[in-house]
Structure formats: structure tokens, C-alpha cells
Amino acid sequence: MSILARIGNIAARYSKVRSRYLTERTVRSLPFEIQKDIGWPDVMTKCLPHGCQAGGR
């Protein structure tokens, strides 16, 4: 793997992580009732980046 390919992979990974962070920040800024309506707390407990947790499979 060339150095440019590695830099491209790092940039793509950074972009994905940053996008997820911004999405989480936006959703968490919504009122709790709306978060509950869209199922946000359940999604967060089921599929965390390091694997599924809290009863989610």
C-alpha cells in the first residue's frame, strides 16, 4: 500500500468519524421527546462503534 493510499484511508476514516460525531451532537441537541420518537436512545445502546451492547444483537 502506497503512502498516498494510506493517507486517503486515514482521511476517509476521519471524515466518517467526524460525520458521526456531528450527527450525534445534532440529535442530542433535540428535546428528549423527539429523540425518543425517532428511537435515538435505543439505537445508541444497541450499536456502539466497538460492538453491540445492552441487549442488541
N, C-alpha and C. Protein backbone atom coordinates (compact mmCIF):
# COMPACT_ATOMS: atom_id res chain seq x y z
N MET A 1 0.85 -1.17 0.00
CA MET A 1 0.00 0.00 0.00
C MET A 1 0.90 1.23 0.00
N SER A 2 0.62 2.11 -0.92
CA SER A 2 1.44 3.31 -1.02
C SER A 2 1.07 4.31 0.07
N ILE A 3 1.95 5.27 0.26
CA ILE A 3 1.72 6.28 1.29
C ILE A 3 0.49 7.12 0.95
N LEU A 4 0.26 7.40 -0.33
CA LEU A 4 -0.92 8.17 -0.71
C LEU A 4 -2.21 7.41 -0.42
N ALA A 5 -2.20 6.11 -0.63
CA ALA A 5 -3.38 5.29 -0.33
C ALA A 5 -3.65 5.29 1.18
N ARG A 6 -2.58 5.22 1.96
CA ARG A 6 -2.75 5.24 3.43
C ARG A 6 -3.30 6.58 3.90
N ILE A 7 -2.79 7.65 3.33
CA ILE A 7 -3.30 8.99 3.69
C ILE A 7 -4.77 9.11 3.29
N GLY A 8 -5.12 8.58 2.13
CA GLY A 8 -6.51 8.59 1.69
C GLY A 8 -7.41 7.81 2.64
N ASN A 9 -6.93 6.65 3.10
CA ASN A 9 -7.70 5.85 4.05
C ASN A 9 -7.88 6.58 5.38
N ILE A 10 -6.84 7.22 5.85
CA ILE A 10 -6.92 7.98 7.11
C ILE A 10 -7.91 9.13 6.96
N ALA A 11 -7.84 9.83 5.83
CA ALA A 11 -8.75 10.95 5.59
C ALA A 11 -10.20 10.47 5.51
N ALA A 12 -10.44 9.35 4.87
CA ALA A 12 -11.79 8.81 4.76
C ALA A 12 -12.32 8.39 6.13
N ARG A 13 -11.47 7.76 6.92
CA ARG A 13 -11.87 7.35 8.27
C ARG A 13 -12.18 8.56 9.14
N TYR A 14 -11.34 9.58 9.04
CA TYR A 14 -11.56 10.81 9.80
C TYR A 14 -12.89 11.46 9.40
N SER A 15 -13.16 11.49 8.12
CA SER A 15 -14.40 12.09 7.62
C SER A 15 -15.62 11.33 8.16
N LYS A 16 -15.55 10.01 8.17
CA LYS A 16 -16.65 9.19 8.66
C LYS A 16 -16.89 9.42 10.15
N VAL A 17 -15.82 9.45 10.93
CA VAL A 17 -15.93 9.67 12.37
C VAL A 17 -16.47 11.07 12.66
N ARG A 18 -15.98 12.05 11.94
CA ARG A 18 -16.44 13.43 12.15
C ARG A 18 -17.92 13.57 11.80
N SER A 19 -18.35 12.95 10.72
CA SER A 19 -19.75 13.00 10.33
C SER A 19 -20.63 12.37 11.40
N ARG A 20 -20.20 11.23 11.94
CA ARG A 20 -20.96 10.57 13.01
C ARG A 20 -21.04 11.46 14.24
N TYR A 21 -19.93 12.08 14.61
CA TYR A 21 -19.89 12.97 15.77
C TYR A 21 -20.86 14.14 15.59
N LEU A 22 -20.85 14.75 14.41
CA LEU A 22 -21.74 15.89 14.16
C LEU A 22 -23.21 15.46 14.18
N THR A 23 -23.51 14.27 13.65
CA THR A 23 -24.87 13.76 13.67
C THR A 23 -25.32 13.51 15.11
N GLU A 24 -24.46 12.87 15.90
CA GLU A 24 -24.81 12.62 17.30
C GLU A 24 -25.02 13.92 18.05
N ARG A 25 -24.17 14.90 17.82
CA ARG A 25 -24.30 16.18 18.51
C ARG A 25 -25.61 16.87 18.13
N THR A 26 -25.98 16.79 16.86
CA THR A 26 -27.22 17.40 16.40
C THR A 26 -28.44 16.71 17.02
N VAL A 27 -28.44 15.39 17.00
CA VAL A 27 -29.58 14.65 17.54
C VAL A 27 -29.68 14.84 19.05
N ARG A 28 -28.54 14.85 19.74
CA ARG A 28 -28.57 15.05 21.20
C ARG A 28 -29.03 16.45 21.58
N SER A 29 -28.96 17.39 20.67
CA SER A 29 -29.42 18.74 20.98
C SER A 29 -30.94 18.86 20.85
N LEU A 30 -31.58 17.85 20.26
CA LEU A 30 -33.03 17.85 20.16
C LEU A 30 -33.65 17.56 21.53
N PRO A 31 -34.89 17.99 21.74
CA PRO A 31 -35.57 17.64 23.00
C PRO A 31 -35.67 16.13 23.16
N PHE A 32 -35.66 15.69 24.42
CA PHE A 32 -35.67 14.25 24.69
C PHE A 32 -36.88 13.55 24.07
N GLU A 33 -38.03 14.20 24.06
CA GLU A 33 -39.23 13.59 23.50
C GLU A 33 -39.04 13.26 22.01
N ILE A 34 -38.40 14.15 21.29
CA ILE A 34 -38.15 13.90 19.86
C ILE A 34 -37.11 12.79 19.70
N GLN A 35 -36.09 12.79 20.54
CA GLN A 35 -35.10 11.71 20.48
C GLN A 35 -35.79 10.37 20.70
N LYS A 36 -36.71 10.33 21.66
CA LYS A 36 -37.43 9.11 21.95
C LYS A 36 -38.30 8.69 20.77
N ASP A 37 -38.95 9.67 20.12
CA ASP A 37 -39.82 9.37 18.98
C ASP A 37 -39.04 8.75 17.82
N ILE A 38 -37.81 9.20 17.60
CA ILE A 38 -37.03 8.65 16.49
C ILE A 38 -36.23 7.43 16.91
N GLY A 39 -36.31 7.06 18.20
CA GLY A 39 -35.64 5.85 18.67
C GLY A 39 -34.16 6.02 18.92
N TRP A 40 -33.73 7.25 19.16
CA TRP A 40 -32.30 7.50 19.33
C TRP A 40 -31.68 6.80 20.53
N PRO A 41 -32.25 6.86 21.73
CA PRO A 41 -31.58 6.17 22.85
C PRO A 41 -31.44 4.67 22.62
N ASP A 42 -32.46 4.03 22.01
CA ASP A 42 -32.38 2.60 21.75
C ASP A 42 -31.28 2.26 20.76
N VAL A 43 -31.15 3.07 19.74
CA VAL A 43 -30.12 2.83 18.73
C VAL A 43 -28.74 2.93 19.35
N MET A 44 -28.54 3.94 20.21
CA MET A 44 -27.23 4.14 20.83
C MET A 44 -26.86 3.00 21.77
N THR A 45 -27.83 2.40 22.44
CA THR A 45 -27.50 1.31 23.35
C THR A 45 -27.29 0.00 22.61
N LYS A 46 -27.82 -0.11 21.39
CA LYS A 46 -27.70 -1.36 20.65
C LYS A 46 -26.43 -1.45 19.83
N CYS A 47 -26.05 -0.40 19.13
CA CYS A 47 -24.93 -0.49 18.20
C CYS A 47 -23.93 0.63 18.45
N LEU A 48 -23.03 0.39 19.34
CA LEU A 48 -21.95 1.31 19.59
C LEU A 48 -20.79 0.97 18.65
N PRO A 49 -19.87 1.89 18.42
CA PRO A 49 -18.78 1.64 17.47
C PRO A 49 -17.95 0.38 17.79
N HIS A 50 -17.84 0.01 19.07
CA HIS A 50 -16.99 -1.12 19.43
C HIS A 50 -17.79 -2.41 19.56
N GLY A 51 -19.04 -2.43 19.13
CA GLY A 51 -19.84 -3.64 19.15
C GLY A 51 -21.22 -3.39 19.71
N CYS A 52 -22.04 -4.41 19.65
CA CYS A 52 -23.40 -4.26 20.14
C CYS A 52 -23.45 -4.45 21.65
N GLN A 53 -24.29 -3.68 22.30
CA GLN A 53 -24.40 -3.69 23.75
C GLN A 53 -25.86 -3.71 24.17
N ALA A 54 -26.10 -3.88 25.44
CA ALA A 54 -27.40 -3.69 26.10
C ALA A 54 -28.53 -4.42 25.39
N GLY A 55 -28.37 -5.68 25.12
CA GLY A 55 -29.44 -6.48 24.57
C GLY A 55 -29.57 -6.46 23.05
N GLY A 56 -28.91 -5.55 22.38
CA GLY A 56 -28.96 -5.53 20.92
C GLY A 56 -28.03 -6.58 20.34
N ARG A 57 -28.44 -7.21 19.28
CA ARG A 57 -27.59 -8.24 18.66
C ARG A 57 -27.37 -7.98 17.21
